């Protein structure tokens, strides 16, 4: 019963890692090449969003390993690593929300 509870969220975390990291790296390299030709704060903002997303996707890997192993705490058994992971997750989710809000403001300004 416990393994069934962990399986859907573990599979979702693996998908986020396997799809999110390469897609965001590709997107980051695109905006980096685009920013070399013509500097734009919007391209810089997209690059920041991509870096935050890459880090969030990388943080999904320890969570996926824990959930797919049936709740065994491989990474999270070490108190220091667990604290660092929690701190990074908290900061990155707030930074992601802030950067999306900032992008919305930039789009509103460019439309007016």
PDB file of N, CA and C in Angstrom:
ATOM      1  N   UNK A   1       0.822  -1.200   0.000  1.00  0.00           N
ATOM      2  CA  UNK A   1       0.000   0.000   0.000  1.00  0.00           C
ATOM      3  C   UNK A   1       0.862   1.257   0.000  1.00  0.00           C
ATOM      4  N   UNK A   2       1.936   1.270   0.783  1.00  0.00           N
ATOM      5  CA  UNK A   2       2.787   2.453   0.857  1.00  0.00           C
ATOM      6  C   UNK A   2       3.475   2.704  -0.480  1.00  0.00           C
ATOM      7  N   UNK A   3       3.941   1.647  -1.156  1.00  0.00           N
ATOM      8  CA  UNK A   3       4.629   1.828  -2.441  1.00  0.00           C
ATOM      9  C   UNK A   3       3.693   2.442  -3.468  1.00  0.00           C
ATOM     10  N   UNK A   4       2.413   2.118  -3.422  1.00  0.00           N
ATOM     11  CA  UNK A   4       1.457   2.691  -4.364  1.00  0.00           C
ATOM     12  C   UNK A   4       1.291   4.200  -4.145  1.00  0.00           C
ATOM     13  N   UNK A   5       1.390   4.629  -2.910  1.00  0.00           N
ATOM     14  CA  UNK A   5       1.251   6.046  -2.596  1.00  0.00           C
ATOM     15  C   UNK A   5       2.444   6.831  -3.153  1.00  0.00           C
ATOM     16  N   UNK A   6       3.643   6.270  -3.067  1.00  0.00           N
ATOM     17  CA  UNK A   6       4.840   6.969  -3.514  1.00  0.00           C
ATOM     18  C   UNK A   6       5.021   6.936  -5.028  1.00  0.00           C
ATOM     19  N   UNK A   7       4.484   5.941  -5.711  1.00  0.00           N
ATOM     20  CA  UNK A   7       4.762   5.753  -7.123  1.00  0.00           C
ATOM     21  C   UNK A   7       4.335   6.928  -8.011  1.00  0.00           C
ATOM     22  N   UNK A   8       3.108   7.450  -7.928  1.00  0.00           N
ATOM     23  CA  UNK A   8       2.729   8.546  -8.837  1.00  0.00           C
ATOM     24  C   UNK A   8       3.577   9.808  -8.664  1.00  0.00           C
ATOM     25  N   UNK A   9       3.840  10.200  -7.436  1.00  0.00           N
ATOM     26  CA  UNK A   9       4.632  11.412  -7.243  1.00  0.00           C
ATOM     27  C   UNK A   9       6.097  11.166  -7.600  1.00  0.00           C
ATOM     28  N   UNK A  10       6.594   9.963  -7.388  1.00  0.00           N
ATOM     29  CA  UNK A  10       7.966   9.636  -7.781  1.00  0.00           C
ATOM     30  C   UNK A  10       8.132   9.639  -9.285  1.00  0.00           C
ATOM     31  N   UNK A  11       7.143   9.082 -10.003  1.00  0.00           N
ATOM     32  CA  UNK A  11       7.196   9.085 -11.461  1.00  0.00           C
ATOM     33  C   UNK A  11       7.097  10.506 -12.015  1.00  0.00           C
ATOM     34  N   UNK A  12       6.292  11.339 -11.374  1.00  0.00           N
ATOM     35  CA  UNK A  12       6.186  12.741 -11.791  1.00  0.00           C
ATOM     36  C   UNK A  12       7.507  13.464 -11.585  1.00  0.00           C
ATOM     37  N   UNK A  13       8.179  13.201 -10.475  1.00  0.00           N
ATOM     38  CA  UNK A  13       9.472  13.830 -10.207  1.00  0.00           C
ATOM     39  C   UNK A  13      10.535  13.372 -11.201  1.00  0.00           C
ATOM     40  N   UNK A  14      10.515  12.100 -11.582  1.00  0.00           N
ATOM     41  CA  UNK A  14      11.449  11.602 -12.602  1.00  0.00           C
ATOM     42  C   UNK A  14      11.170  12.271 -13.938  1.00  0.00           C
ATOM     43  N   UNK A  15       9.902  12.406 -14.289  1.00  0.00           N
ATOM     44  CA  UNK A  15       9.545  13.082 -15.538  1.00  0.00           C
ATOM     45  C   UNK A  15      10.020  14.529 -15.528  1.00  0.00           C
ATOM     46  N   UNK A  16       9.812  15.225 -14.408  1.00  0.00           N
ATOM     47  CA  UNK A  16      10.267  16.615 -14.297  1.00  0.00           C
ATOM     48  C   UNK A  16      11.772  16.712 -14.468  1.00  0.00           C
ATOM     49  N   UNK A  17      12.498  15.765 -13.912  1.00  0.00           N
ATOM     50  CA  UNK A  17      13.951  15.786 -14.033  1.00  0.00           C
ATOM     51  C   UNK A  17      14.387  15.465 -15.462  1.00  0.00           C
ATOM     52  N   UNK A  18      13.844  14.386 -16.022  1.00  0.00           N
ATOM     53  CA  UNK A  18      14.291  13.930 -17.347  1.00  0.00           C
ATOM     54  C   UNK A  18      13.871  14.869 -18.472  1.00  0.00           C
ATOM     55  N   UNK A  19      12.744  15.500 -18.357  1.00  0.00           N
ATOM     56  CA  UNK A  19      12.277  16.412 -19.394  1.00  0.00           C
ATOM     57  C   UNK A  19      12.674  17.854 -19.104  1.00  0.00           C
ATOM     58  N   UNK A  20      12.607  18.258 -17.853  1.00  0.00           N
ATOM     59  CA  UNK A  20      12.814  19.653 -17.489  1.00  0.00           C
ATOM     60  C   UNK A  20      14.244  20.126 -17.637  1.00  0.00           C
ATOM     61  N   UNK A  21      15.204  19.301 -17.235  1.00  0.00           N
ATOM     62  CA  UNK A  21      16.607  19.732 -17.306  1.00  0.00           C
ATOM     63  C   UNK A  21      17.058  19.947 -18.752  1.00  0.00           C
ATOM     64  N   UNK A  22      16.891  18.967 -19.658  1.00  0.00           N
ATOM     65  CA  UNK A  22      17.338  19.221 -21.038  1.00  0.00           C
ATOM     66  C   UNK A  22      16.561  20.347 -21.729  1.00  0.00           C
ATOM     67  N   UNK A  23      15.264  20.429 -21.498  1.00  0.00           N
ATOM     68  CA  UNK A  23      14.459  21.475 -22.141  1.00  0.00           C
ATOM     69  C   UNK A  23      14.885  22.861 -21.670  1.00  0.00           C
ATOM     70  N   UNK A  24      15.143  23.007 -20.387  1.00  0.00           N
ATOM     71  CA  UNK A  24      15.559  24.307 -19.867  1.00  0.00           C
ATOM     72  C   UNK A  24      16.989  24.658 -20.273  1.00  0.00           C
ATOM     73  N   UNK A  25      17.858  23.666 -20.385  1.00  0.00           N
ATOM     74  CA  UNK A  25      19.218  23.928 -20.876  1.00  0.00           C
ATOM     75  C   UNK A  25      19.167  24.384 -22.327  1.00  0.00           C
ATOM     76  N   UNK A  26      18.338  23.719 -23.138  1.00  0.00           N
ATOM     77  CA  UNK A  26      18.178  24.129 -24.538  1.00  0.00           C
ATOM     78  C   UNK A  26      17.629  25.554 -24.618  1.00  0.00           C
ATOM     79  N   UNK A  27      16.625  25.854 -23.820  1.00  0.00           N
ATOM     80  CA  UNK A  27      16.031  27.190 -23.815  1.00  0.00           C
ATOM     81  C   UNK A  27      17.030  28.235 -23.329  1.00  0.00           C
ATOM     82  N   UNK A  28      17.811  27.910 -22.305  1.00  0.00           N
ATOM     83  CA  UNK A  28      18.819  28.830 -21.801  1.00  0.00           C
ATOM     84  C   UNK A  28      19.868  29.131 -22.868  1.00  0.00           C
ATOM     85  N   UNK A  29      20.309  28.089 -23.581  1.00  0.00           N
ATOM     86  CA  UNK A  29      21.314  28.316 -24.626  1.00  0.00           C
ATOM     87  C   UNK A  29      20.748  29.150 -25.771  1.00  0.00           C
ATOM     88  N   UNK A  30      19.473  28.981 -26.075  1.00  0.00           N
ATOM     89  CA  UNK A  30      18.830  29.801 -27.106  1.00  0.00           C
ATOM     90  C   UNK A  30      18.827  31.276 -26.705  1.00  0.00           C
ATOM     91  N   UNK A  31      18.394  31.568 -25.492  1.00  0.00           N
ATOM     92  CA  UNK A  31      18.339  32.960 -25.049  1.00  0.00           C
ATOM     93  C   UNK A  31      19.738  33.548 -24.844  1.00  0.00           C
ATOM     94  N   UNK A  32      20.712  32.703 -24.503  1.00  0.00           N
ATOM     95  CA  UNK A  32      22.083  33.175 -24.386  1.00  0.00           C
ATOM     96  C   UNK A  32      22.623  33.595 -25.754  1.00  0.00           C
ATOM     97  N   UNK A  33      22.360  32.782 -26.776  1.00  0.00           N
ATOM     98  CA  UNK A  33      22.806  33.131 -28.131  1.00  0.00           C
ATOM     99  C   UNK A  33      22.059  34.359 -28.644  1.00  0.00           C
ATOM    100  N   UNK A  34      20.789  34.463 -28.319  1.00  0.00           N
ATOM    101  CA  UNK A  34      19.996  35.609 -28.748  1.00  0.00           C
ATOM    102  C   UNK A  34      20.444  36.887 -28.047  1.00  0.00           C
ATOM    103  N   UNK A  35      20.909  36.755 -26.804  1.00  0.00           N
ATOM    104  CA  UNK A  35      21.333  37.911 -26.024  1.00  0.00           C
ATOM    105  C   UNK A  35      22.699  38.429 -26.487  1.00  0.00           C
ATOM    106  N   UNK A  36      23.500  37.586 -27.155  1.00  0.00           N
ATOM    107  CA  UNK A  36      24.801  38.027 -27.643  1.00  0.00           C
ATOM    108  C   UNK A  36      24.651  38.987 -28.817  1.00  0.00           C
ATOM    109  N   UNK A  37      23.634  38.758 -29.644  1.00  0.00           N
ATOM    110  CA  UNK A  37      23.429  39.623 -30.803  1.00  0.00           C
ATOM    111  C   UNK A  37      22.872  40.981 -30.410  1.00  0.00           C
ATOM    112  N   UNK A  38      21.889  40.973 -29.542  1.00  0.00           N
ATOM    113  CA  UNK A  38      21.247  42.205 -29.120  1.00  0.00           C
ATOM    114  C   UNK A  38      20.873  42.073 -27.650  1.00  0.00           C
ATOM    115  N   UNK A  39      21.414  42.955 -26.822  1.00  0.00           N
ATOM    116  CA  UNK A  39      21.154  42.878 -25.388  1.00  0.00           C
ATOM    117  C   UNK A  39      19.719  43.289 -25.095  1.00  0.00           C
ATOM    118  N   UNK A  40      19.064  42.493 -24.279  1.00  0.00           N
ATOM    119  CA  UNK A  40      17.692  42.781 -23.891  1.00  0.00           C
ATOM    120  C   UNK A  40      17.474  42.293 -22.460  1.00  0.00           C
ATOM    121  N   UNK A  41      16.846  43.130 -21.656  1.00  0.00           N
ATOM    122  CA  UNK A  41      16.566  42.717 -20.281  1.00  0.00           C
ATOM    123  C   UNK A  41      15.535  41.596 -20.239  1.00  0.00           C
ATOM    124  N   UNK A  42      14.696  41.505 -21.266  1.00  0.00           N
ATOM    125  CA  UNK A  42      13.704  40.419 -21.314  1.00  0.00           C
ATOM    126  C   UNK A  42      14.410  39.081 -21.523  1.00  0.00           C
ATOM    127  N   UNK A  43      15.401  39.045 -22.417  1.00  0.00           N
ATOM    128  CA  UNK A  43      16.162  37.811 -22.609  1.00  0.00           C
ATOM    129  C   UNK A  43      16.911  37.426 -21.338  1.00  0.00           C
ATOM    130  N   UNK A  44      17.448  38.417 -20.646  1.00  0.00           N
ATOM    131  CA  UNK A  44      18.119  38.145 -19.380  1.00  0.00           C
ATOM    132  C   UNK A  44      17.136  37.580 -18.351  1.00  0.00           C
ATOM    133  N   UNK A  45      15.926  38.106 -18.321  1.00  0.00           N
ATOM    134  CA  UNK A  45      14.903  37.595 -17.412  1.00  0.00           C
ATOM    135  C   UNK A  45      14.527  36.149 -17.759  1.00  0.00           C
ATOM    136  N   UNK A  46      14.406  35.846 -19.051  1.00  0.00           N
ATOM    137  CA  UNK A  46      14.125  34.466 -19.457  1.00  0.00           C
ATOM    138  C   UNK A  46      15.262  33.528 -19.065  1.00  0.00           C
ATOM    139  N   UNK A  47      16.498  34.014 -19.142  1.00  0.00           N
ATOM    140  CA  UNK A  47      17.627  33.179 -18.746  1.00  0.00           C
ATOM    141  C   UNK A  47      17.610  32.911 -17.236  1.00  0.00           C
ATOM    142  N   UNK A  48      17.231  33.898 -16.450  1.00  0.00           N
ATOM    143  CA  UNK A  48      17.114  33.702 -15.003  1.00  0.00           C
ATOM    144  C   UNK A  48      16.012  32.685 -14.701  1.00  0.00           C
ATOM    145  N   UNK A  49      14.895  32.803 -15.408  1.00  0.00           N
ATOM    146  CA  UNK A  49      13.793  31.850 -15.213  1.00  0.00           C
ATOM    147  C   UNK A  49      14.243  30.438 -15.573  1.00  0.00           C
ATOM    148  N   UNK A  50      15.006  30.295 -16.671  1.00  0.00           N
ATOM    149  CA  UNK A  50      15.517  28.982 -17.056  1.00  0.00           C
ATOM    150  C   UNK A  50      16.468  28.413 -16.013  1.00  0.00           C
ATOM    151  N   UNK A  51      17.333  29.248 -15.458  1.00  0.00           N
ATOM    152  CA  UNK A  51      18.273  28.755 -14.433  1.00  0.00           C
ATOM    153  C   UNK A  51      17.526  28.303 -13.178  1.00  0.00           C
ATOM    154  N   UNK A  52      16.525  29.055 -12.779  1.00  0.00           N
ATOM    155  CA  UNK A  52      15.727  28.663 -11.611  1.00  0.00           C
ATOM    156  C   UNK A  52      15.011  27.339 -11.892  1.00  0.00           C
ATOM    157  N   UNK A  53      14.456  27.201 -13.088  1.00  0.00           N
ATOM    158  CA  UNK A  53      13.767  25.958 -13.436  1.00  0.00           C
ATOM    159  C   UNK A  53      14.726  24.774 -13.494  1.00  0.00           C
ATOM    160  N   UNK A  54      15.936  24.993 -13.992  1.00  0.00           N
ATOM    161  CA  UNK A  54      16.934  23.911 -14.020  1.00  0.00           C
ATOM    162  C   UNK A  54      17.240  23.455 -12.597  1.00  0.00           C
ATOM    163  N   UNK A  55      17.435  24.390 -11.697  1.00  0.00           N
ATOM    164  CA  UNK A  55      17.739  24.027 -10.314  1.00  0.00           C
ATOM    165  C   UNK A  55      16.563  23.322  -9.638  1.00  0.00           C
ATOM    166  N   UNK A  56      15.351  23.758  -9.927  1.00  0.00           N
ATOM    167  CA  UNK A  56      14.180  23.077  -9.368  1.00  0.00           C
ATOM    168  C   UNK A  56      14.085  21.655  -9.898  1.00  0.00           C
ATOM    169  N   UNK A  57      14.327  21.476 -11.194  1.00  0.00           N
ATOM    170  CA  UNK A  57      14.292  20.127 -11.766  1.00  0.00           C
ATOM    171  C   UNK A  57      15.389  19.242 -11.180  1.00  0.00           C
ATOM    172  N   UNK A  58      16.558  19.815 -10.917  1.00  0.00           N
ATOM    173  CA  UNK A  58      17.629  19.036 -10.287  1.00  0.00           C
ATOM    174  C   UNK A  58      17.261  18.643  -8.854  1.00  0.00           C
ATOM    175  N   UNK A  59      16.521  19.505  -8.171  1.00  0.00           N
ATOM    176  CA  UNK A  59      16.085  19.172  -6.813  1.00  0.00           C
ATOM    177  C   UNK A  59      15.003  18.096  -6.791  1.00  0.00           C
ATOM    178  N   UNK A  60      14.393  17.821  -7.935  1.00  0.00           N
ATOM    179  CA  UNK A  60      13.389  16.757  -8.005  1.00  0.00           C
ATOM    180  C   UNK A  60      14.016  15.370  -7.944  1.00  0.00           C
ATOM    181  N   UNK A  61      15.295  15.248  -8.308  1.00  0.00           N
ATOM    182  CA  UNK A  61      15.939  13.928  -8.341  1.00  0.00           C
ATOM    183  C   UNK A  61      16.019  13.254  -6.976  1.00  0.00           C
ATOM    184  N   UNK A  62      16.502  13.913  -5.918  1.00  0.00           N
ATOM    185  CA  UNK A  62      16.511  13.229  -4.618  1.00  0.00           C
ATOM    186  C   UNK A  62      15.115  12.866  -4.131  1.00  0.00           C
ATOM    187  N   UNK A  63      14.148  13.715  -4.444  1.00  0.00           N
ATOM    188  CA  UNK A  63      12.767  13.430  -4.065  1.00  0.00           C
ATOM    189  C   UNK A  63      12.250  12.195  -4.813  1.00  0.00           C
ATOM    190  N   UNK A  64      12.596  12.084  -6.095  1.00  0.00           N
ATOM    191  CA  UNK A  64      12.162  10.938  -6.888  1.00  0.00           C
ATOM    192  C   UNK A  64      12.779   9.643  -6.378  1.00  0.00           C
ATOM    193  N   UNK A  65      14.057   9.680  -6.049  1.00  0.00           N
ATOM    194  CA  UNK A  65      14.729   8.482  -5.543  1.00  0.00           C
ATOM    195  C   UNK A  65      14.098   8.034  -4.231  1.00  0.00           C
ATOM    196  N   UNK A  66      13.811   8.968  -3.373  1.00  0.00           N
ATOM    197  CA  UNK A  66      13.178   8.639  -2.089  1.00  0.00           C
ATOM    198  C   UNK A  66      11.793   8.053  -2.299  1.00  0.00           C
ATOM    199  N   UNK A  67      11.011   8.643  -3.183  1.00  0.00           N
ATOM    200  CA  UNK A  67       9.640   8.175  -3.376  1.00  0.00           C
ATOM    201  C   UNK A  67       9.583   6.846  -4.116  1.00  0.00           C
ATOM    202  N   UNK A  68      10.458   6.640  -5.086  1.00  0.00           N
ATOM    203  CA  UNK A  68      10.431   5.377  -5.830  1.00  0.00           C
ATOM    204  C   UNK A  68      11.052   4.221  -5.054  1.00  0.00           C
ATOM    205  N   UNK A  69      11.793   4.529  -3.992  1.00  0.00           N
ATOM    206  CA  UNK A  69      12.352   3.462  -3.161  1.00  0.00           C
ATOM    207  C   UNK A  69      11.403   3.081  -2.028  1.00  0.00           C
ATOM    208  N   UNK A  70      10.200   3.589  -2.062  1.00  0.00           N
ATOM    209  CA  UNK A  70       9.217   3.247  -1.044  1.00  0.00           C
ATOM    210  C   UNK A  70       9.355   4.056   0.233  1.00  0.00           C
ATOM    211  N   UNK A  71       9.971   5.202   0.141  1.00  0.00           N
ATOM    212  CA  UNK A  71      10.094   6.068   1.304  1.00  0.00           C
ATOM    213  C   UNK A  71      11.391   5.923   2.067  1.00  0.00           C
ATOM    214  N   UNK A  72      12.346   5.134   1.530  1.00  0.00           N
ATOM    215  CA  UNK A  72      13.648   5.011   2.198  1.00  0.00           C
ATOM    216  C   UNK A  72      14.405   6.317   2.020  1.00  0.00           C
ATOM    217  N   UNK A  73      14.963   6.795   3.088  1.00  0.00           N
ATOM    218  CA  UNK A  73      15.594   8.117   3.087  1.00  0.00           C
ATOM    219  C   UNK A  73      17.070   8.005   2.709  1.00  0.00           C
ATOM    220  N   UNK A  74      17.358   7.934   1.419  1.00  0.00           N
ATOM    221  CA  UNK A  74      18.752   7.886   0.993  1.00  0.00           C
ATOM    222  C   UNK A  74      19.413   9.245   1.176  1.00  0.00           C
ATOM    223  N   UNK A  75      18.875  10.233   0.562  1.00  0.00           N
ATOM    224  CA  UNK A  75      19.430  11.582   0.585  1.00  0.00           C
ATOM    225  C   UNK A  75      19.001  12.338   1.833  1.00  0.00           C
ATOM    226  N   UNK A  76      17.773  12.115   2.236  1.00  0.00           N
ATOM    227  CA  UNK A  76      17.203  12.902   3.321  1.00  0.00           C
ATOM    228  C   UNK A  76      17.529  12.362   4.715  1.00  0.00           C
ATOM    229  N   UNK A  77      18.319  11.291   4.799  1.00  0.00           N
ATOM    230  CA  UNK A  77      18.697  10.779   6.118  1.00  0.00           C
ATOM    231  C   UNK A  77      19.812  11.614   6.744  1.00  0.00           C
ATOM    232  N   UNK A  78      20.557  12.318   5.926  1.00  0.00           N
ATOM    233  CA  UNK A  78      21.615  13.207   6.427  1.00  0.00           C
ATOM    234  C   UNK A  78      20.975  14.560   6.713  1.00  0.00           C
ATOM    235  N   UNK A  79      21.021  14.967   7.948  1.00  0.00           N
ATOM    236  CA  UNK A  79      20.336  16.185   8.372  1.00  0.00           C
ATOM    237  C   UNK A  79      20.781  17.429   7.631  1.00  0.00           C
ATOM    238  N   UNK A  80      22.086  17.559   7.394  1.00  0.00           N
ATOM    239  CA  UNK A  80      22.602  18.737   6.713  1.00  0.00           C
ATOM    240  C   UNK A  80      22.087  18.814   5.278  1.00  0.00           C
ATOM    241  N   UNK A  81      22.137  17.688   4.559  1.00  0.00           N
ATOM    242  CA  UNK A  81      21.664  17.679   3.168  1.00  0.00           C
ATOM    243  C   UNK A  81      20.167  17.937   3.083  1.00  0.00           C
ATOM    244  N   UNK A  82      19.438  17.406   4.036  1.00  0.00           N
ATOM    245  CA  UNK A  82      17.995  17.632   4.075  1.00  0.00           C
ATOM    246  C   UNK A  82      17.698  19.107   4.314  1.00  0.00           C
ATOM    247  N   UNK A  83      18.452  19.733   5.199  1.00  0.00           N
ATOM    248  CA  UNK A  83      18.255  21.161   5.470  1.00  0.00           C
ATOM    249  C   UNK A  83      18.610  22.009   4.263  1.00  0.00           C
ATOM    250  N   UNK A  84      19.709  21.674   3.592  1.00  0.00           N
ATOM    251  CA  UNK A  84      20.116  22.417   2.392  1.00  0.00           C
ATOM    252  C   UNK A  84      19.067  22.260   1.303  1.00  0.00           C
ATOM    253  N   UNK A  85      18.568  21.026   1.113  1.00  0.00           N
ATOM    254  CA  UNK A  85      17.543  20.786   0.094  1.00  0.00           C
ATOM    255  C   UNK A  85      16.284  21.606   0.407  1.00  0.00           C
ATOM    256  N   UNK A  86      15.853  21.605   1.639  1.00  0.00           N
ATOM    257  CA  UNK A  86      14.657  22.357   2.017  1.00  0.00           C
ATOM    258  C   UNK A  86      14.841  23.852   1.848  1.00  0.00           C
ATOM    259  N   UNK A  87      16.011  24.351   2.206  1.00  0.00           N
ATOM    260  CA  UNK A  87      16.301  25.774   2.045  1.00  0.00           C
ATOM    261  C   UNK A  87      16.315  26.150   0.563  1.00  0.00           C
ATOM    262  N   UNK A  88      16.993  25.338  -0.249  1.00  0.00           N
ATOM    263  CA  UNK A  88      17.055  25.609  -1.691  1.00  0.00           C
ATOM    264  C   UNK A  88      15.661  25.564  -2.313  1.00  0.00           C
ATOM    265  N   UNK A  89      14.861  24.570  -1.940  1.00  0.00           N
ATOM    266  CA  UNK A  89      13.513  24.448  -2.482  1.00  0.00           C
ATOM    267  C   UNK A  89      12.679  25.678  -2.134  1.00  0.00           C
ATOM    268  N   UNK A  90      12.776  26.118  -0.895  1.00  0.00           N
ATOM    269  CA  UNK A  90      12.008  27.275  -0.453  1.00  0.00           C
ATOM    270  C   UNK A  90      12.421  28.548  -1.196  1.00  0.00           C
ATOM    271  N   UNK A  91      13.707  28.769  -1.328  1.00  0.00           N
ATOM    272  CA  UNK A  91      14.206  29.950  -2.023  1.00  0.00           C
ATOM    273  C   UNK A  91      13.855  29.894  -3.509  1.00  0.00           C
ATOM    274  N   UNK A  92      14.041  28.752  -4.140  1.00  0.00           N
ATOM    275  CA  UNK A  92      13.810  28.648  -5.581  1.00  0.00           C
ATOM    276  C   UNK A  92      12.338  28.794  -5.951  1.00  0.00           C
ATOM    277  N   UNK A  93      11.445  28.271  -5.108  1.00  0.00           N
ATOM    278  CA  UNK A  93      10.035  28.436  -5.444  1.00  0.00           C
ATOM    279  C   UNK A  93       9.612  29.896  -5.336  1.00  0.00           C
ATOM    280  N   UNK A  94      10.143  30.601  -4.352  1.00  0.00           N
ATOM    281  CA  UNK A  94       9.838  32.036  -4.222  1.00  0.00           C
ATOM    282  C   UNK A  94      10.461  32.836  -5.372  1.00  0.00           C
ATOM    283  N   UNK A  95      11.679  32.484  -5.759  1.00  0.00           N
ATOM    284  CA  UNK A  95      12.348  33.159  -6.868  1.00  0.00           C
ATOM    285  C   UNK A  95      11.624  32.896  -8.183  1.00  0.00           C
ATOM    286  N   UNK A  96      11.097  31.699  -8.345  1.00  0.00           N
ATOM    287  CA  UNK A  96      10.334  31.368  -9.553  1.00  0.00           C
ATOM    288  C   UNK A  96       9.062  32.205  -9.643  1.00  0.00           C
ATOM    289  N   UNK A  97       8.344  32.297  -8.554  1.00  0.00           N
ATOM    290  CA  UNK A  97       7.114  33.097  -8.537  1.00  0.00           C
ATOM    291  C   UNK A  97       7.430  34.568  -8.776  1.00  0.00           C
ATOM    292  N   UNK A  98       8.499  35.074  -8.144  1.00  0.00           N
ATOM    293  CA  UNK A  98       8.883  36.467  -8.322  1.00  0.00           C
ATOM    294  C   UNK A  98       9.273  36.757  -9.771  1.00  0.00           C
ATOM    295  N   UNK A  99      10.053  35.867 -10.387  1.00  0.00           N
ATOM    296  CA  UNK A  99      10.500  36.116 -11.762  1.00  0.00           C
ATOM    297  C   UNK A  99       9.345  36.030 -12.757  1.00  0.00           C
ATOM    298  N   UNK A 100       8.381  35.160 -12.520  1.00  0.00           N
ATOM    299  CA  UNK A 100       7.201  35.103 -13.400  1.00  0.00           C
ATOM    300  C   UNK A 100       6.374  36.380 -13.236  1.00  0.00           C
ATOM    301  N   UNK A 101       6.246  36.864 -12.008  1.00  0.00           N
ATOM    302  CA  UNK A 101       5.542  38.135 -11.784  1.00  0.00           C
ATOM    303  C   UNK A 101       6.247  39.292 -12.452  1.00  0.00           C
ATOM    304  N   UNK A 102       7.581  39.298 -12.376  1.00  0.00           N
ATOM    305  CA  UNK A 102       8.361  40.340 -13.023  1.00  0.00           C
ATOM    306  C   UNK A 102       8.213  40.284 -14.543  1.00  0.00           C
ATOM    307  N   UNK A 103       8.161  39.079 -15.075  1.00  0.00           N
ATOM    308  CA  UNK A 103       7.942  38.927 -16.518  1.00  0.00           C
ATOM    309  C   UNK A 103       6.561  39.458 -16.913  1.00  0.00           C
ATOM    310  N   UNK A 104       5.565  39.227 -16.096  1.00  0.00           N
ATOM    311  CA  UNK A 104       4.218  39.739 -16.379  1.00  0.00           C
ATOM    312  C   UNK A 104       4.196  41.258 -16.380  1.00  0.00           C
ATOM    313  N   UNK A 105       4.922  41.860 -15.445  1.00  0.00           N
ATOM    314  CA  UNK A 105       5.004  43.323 -15.405  1.00  0.00           C
ATOM    315  C   UNK A 105       5.709  43.846 -16.652  1.00  0.00           C
ATOM    316  N   UNK A 106       6.797  43.192 -17.066  1.00  0.00           N
ATOM    317  CA  UNK A 106       7.527  43.616 -18.276  1.00  0.00           C
ATOM    318  C   UNK A 106       6.638  43.512 -19.517  1.00  0.00           C
ATOM    319  N   UNK A 107       5.845  42.468 -19.599  1.00  0.00           N
ATOM    320  CA  UNK A 107       4.936  42.334 -20.737  1.00  0.00           C
ATOM    321  C   UNK A 107       3.853  43.411 -20.720  1.00  0.00           C
ATOM    322  N   UNK A 108       3.361  43.735 -19.533  1.00  0.00           N
ATOM    323  CA  UNK A 108       2.343  44.790 -19.431  1.00  0.00           C
ATOM    324  C   UNK A 108       2.917  46.136 -19.842  1.00  0.00           C
ATOM    325  N   UNK A 109       4.128  46.419 -19.427  1.00  0.00           N
ATOM    326  CA  UNK A 109       4.759  47.682 -19.804  1.00  0.00           C
ATOM    327  C   UNK A 109       5.004  47.748 -21.315  1.00  0.00           C
ATOM    328  N   UNK A 110       5.420  46.626 -21.900  1.00  0.00           N
ATOM    329  CA  UNK A 110       5.703  46.641 -23.341  1.00  0.00           C
ATOM    330  C   UNK A 110       4.421  46.772 -24.173  1.00  0.00           C
ATOM    331  N   UNK A 111       3.281  46.374 -23.624  1.00  0.00           N
ATOM    332  CA  UNK A 111       2.022  46.495 -24.358  1.00  0.00           C
ATOM    333  C   UNK A 111       1.451  47.908 -24.297  1.00  0.00           C
ATOM    334  N   UNK A 112       1.833  48.657 -23.280  1.00  0.00           N
ATOM    335  CA  UNK A 112       1.261  49.999 -23.155  1.00  0.00           C
ATOM    336  C   UNK A 112       2.117  51.065 -23.783  1.00  0.00           C
TER     337      UNK A 112
END
